[in-house]
Amino acid sequence: MLTYAIILLAITAVGGLVLAASVLREKLAPWPLSIVHALLGAAGLVILVLLALGESTSMQSTVALGLLVVAALGGFYLASLHLRGKVAPKAVVIIHAGVAVAGFLTLVSIVVSV
């Protein structure tokens, strides 16, 4: 199941790059892509939470989950700005992306080290 979470989160990251490119050009991101990005990210998080509840998890997976939850909270903030028709601050987008990438790479390192 960890592989499925990684695949979902990788697809989420690709969408996030497109969204971030819009914001960095000071334009509102495409709303449909924002929704798909959020849903795929949430699905990946749900899988990770289920894994954490069902199995003994490593410290790496706990750290990855924590980082991705923090990224999701940042995503909620970004979505709230988007709903109000405001372009998100570039710094917030970069921090959101950086935390999400750190969580994703931590997950990938679990699979690679096995």
Protein backbone atom coordinates (compact mmCIF):
# COMPACT_ATOMS: atom_id res chain seq x y z
CA MET A 1 0.00 0.00 0.00
CA LEU A 2 2.94 2.31 0.55
CA THR A 3 3.66 2.11 -3.17
CA TYR A 4 0.11 3.29 -3.95
CA ALA A 5 0.53 6.24 -1.61
CA ILE A 6 3.81 7.16 -3.29
CA ILE A 7 2.22 6.96 -6.75
CA LEU A 8 -0.71 9.14 -5.69
CA LEU A 9 1.59 11.66 -4.08
CA ALA A 10 3.87 11.74 -7.13
CA ILE A 11 0.89 12.57 -9.35
CA THR A 12 -0.15 15.16 -6.78
CA ALA A 13 3.31 16.71 -6.98
CA VAL A 14 3.12 17.06 -10.76
CA GLY A 15 -0.17 18.92 -10.39
CA GLY A 16 1.40 21.01 -7.67
CA LEU A 17 4.15 22.11 -10.04
CA VAL A 18 1.56 23.39 -12.50
CA LEU A 19 -0.31 25.16 -9.70
CA ALA A 20 2.89 26.71 -8.34
CA ALA A 21 3.86 27.92 -11.82
CA SER A 22 0.58 29.83 -12.02
CA VAL A 23 1.10 31.43 -8.64
CA LEU A 24 4.71 32.33 -9.39
CA ARG A 25 3.43 34.17 -12.49
CA GLU A 26 1.03 35.96 -10.13
CA LYS A 27 -2.07 34.33 -11.63
CA LEU A 28 -4.78 32.31 -9.97
CA ALA A 29 -4.19 28.61 -10.41
CA PRO A 30 -6.75 26.60 -12.38
CA TRP A 31 -9.52 25.71 -9.94
CA PRO A 32 -10.23 22.19 -11.30
CA LEU A 33 -6.55 21.28 -11.01
CA SER A 34 -6.51 22.64 -7.45
CA ILE A 35 -9.37 20.31 -6.53
CA VAL A 36 -7.74 17.27 -8.15
CA HIS A 37 -4.45 18.16 -6.42
CA ALA A 38 -6.21 18.32 -3.05
CA LEU A 39 -8.15 15.08 -3.56
CA LEU A 40 -5.12 13.08 -4.68
CA GLY A 41 -3.04 14.45 -1.82
CA ALA A 42 -5.79 13.61 0.66
CA ALA A 43 -6.08 10.08 -0.75
CA GLY A 44 -2.34 9.59 -0.31
CA LEU A 45 -2.55 10.84 3.26
CA VAL A 46 -5.48 8.54 4.04
CA ILE A 47 -3.46 5.56 2.83
CA LEU A 48 -0.53 6.60 5.01
CA VAL A 49 -2.76 7.05 8.06
CA LEU A 50 -4.31 3.61 7.47
CA LEU A 51 -0.83 2.12 7.22
CA ALA A 52 0.21 3.87 10.43
CA LEU A 53 -2.88 2.56 12.25
CA GLY A 54 -2.63 -0.97 10.91
CA GLU A 55 1.06 -1.77 11.09
CA SER A 56 4.02 -1.02 13.23
CA THR A 57 5.56 1.95 11.48
CA SER A 58 9.12 3.12 11.30
CA MET A 59 10.29 6.50 12.49
CA GLN A 60 10.80 7.47 8.84
CA SER A 61 7.17 6.82 7.97
CA THR A 62 6.00 8.76 11.01
CA VAL A 63 8.19 11.71 10.04
CA ALA A 64 6.96 11.53 6.44
CA LEU A 65 3.35 11.48 7.59
CA GLY A 66 3.97 14.44 9.89
CA LEU A 67 5.60 16.46 7.13
CA LEU A 68 2.79 15.68 4.70
CA VAL A 69 0.16 16.65 7.26
CA VAL A 70 1.93 19.99 7.77
CA ALA A 71 2.02 20.42 3.97
CA ALA A 72 -1.70 19.63 3.82
CA LEU A 73 -2.43 22.30 6.43
CA GLY A 74 -0.50 24.77 4.30
CA GLY A 75 -2.53 23.58 1.33
CA PHE A 76 -5.76 24.34 3.20
CA TYR A 77 -4.51 27.87 3.77
CA LEU A 78 -3.61 28.23 0.10
CA ALA A 79 -7.03 26.92 -0.91
CA SER A 80 -8.71 29.44 1.39
CA LEU A 81 -6.87 32.24 -0.39
CA HIS A 82 -7.84 30.78 -3.75
CA LEU A 83 -11.51 30.65 -2.71
CA ARG A 84 -11.34 34.37 -1.93
CA GLY A 85 -9.88 35.07 -5.38
CA LYS A 86 -6.47 36.04 -4.04
CA VAL A 87 -3.17 34.90 -5.48
CA ALA A 88 -1.19 33.17 -2.76
CA PRO A 89 2.06 34.66 -1.49
CA LYS A 90 5.00 33.08 -3.28
CA ALA A 91 6.80 32.35 -0.02
CA VAL A 92 3.86 30.31 1.30
CA VAL A 93 3.70 28.31 -1.94
CA ILE A 94 7.43 27.59 -1.78
CA ILE A 95 7.24 26.52 1.88
CA HIS A 96 4.20 24.31 1.14
CA ALA A 97 6.02 22.68 -1.75
CA GLY A 98 9.27 22.26 0.19
CA VAL A 99 7.59 20.55 3.13
CA ALA A 100 5.59 18.30 0.78
CA VAL A 101 8.72 17.34 -1.16
CA ALA A 102 10.57 16.58 2.08
CA GLY A 103 7.72 14.30 3.18
CA PHE A 104 7.55 12.62 -0.23
CA LEU A 105 11.30 12.00 -0.38
CA THR A 106 11.21 10.60 3.14
CA LEU A 107 8.56 8.11 1.97
CA VAL A 108 10.55 7.20 -1.11
CA SER A 109 13.62 6.60 1.04
CA ILE A 110 11.69 3.94 2.94
CA VAL A 111 11.03 1.97 -0.24
CA VAL A 112 14.53 2.49 -1.63
CA SER A 113 16.23 1.33 1.60
CA VAL A 114 14.26 -1.94 1.75
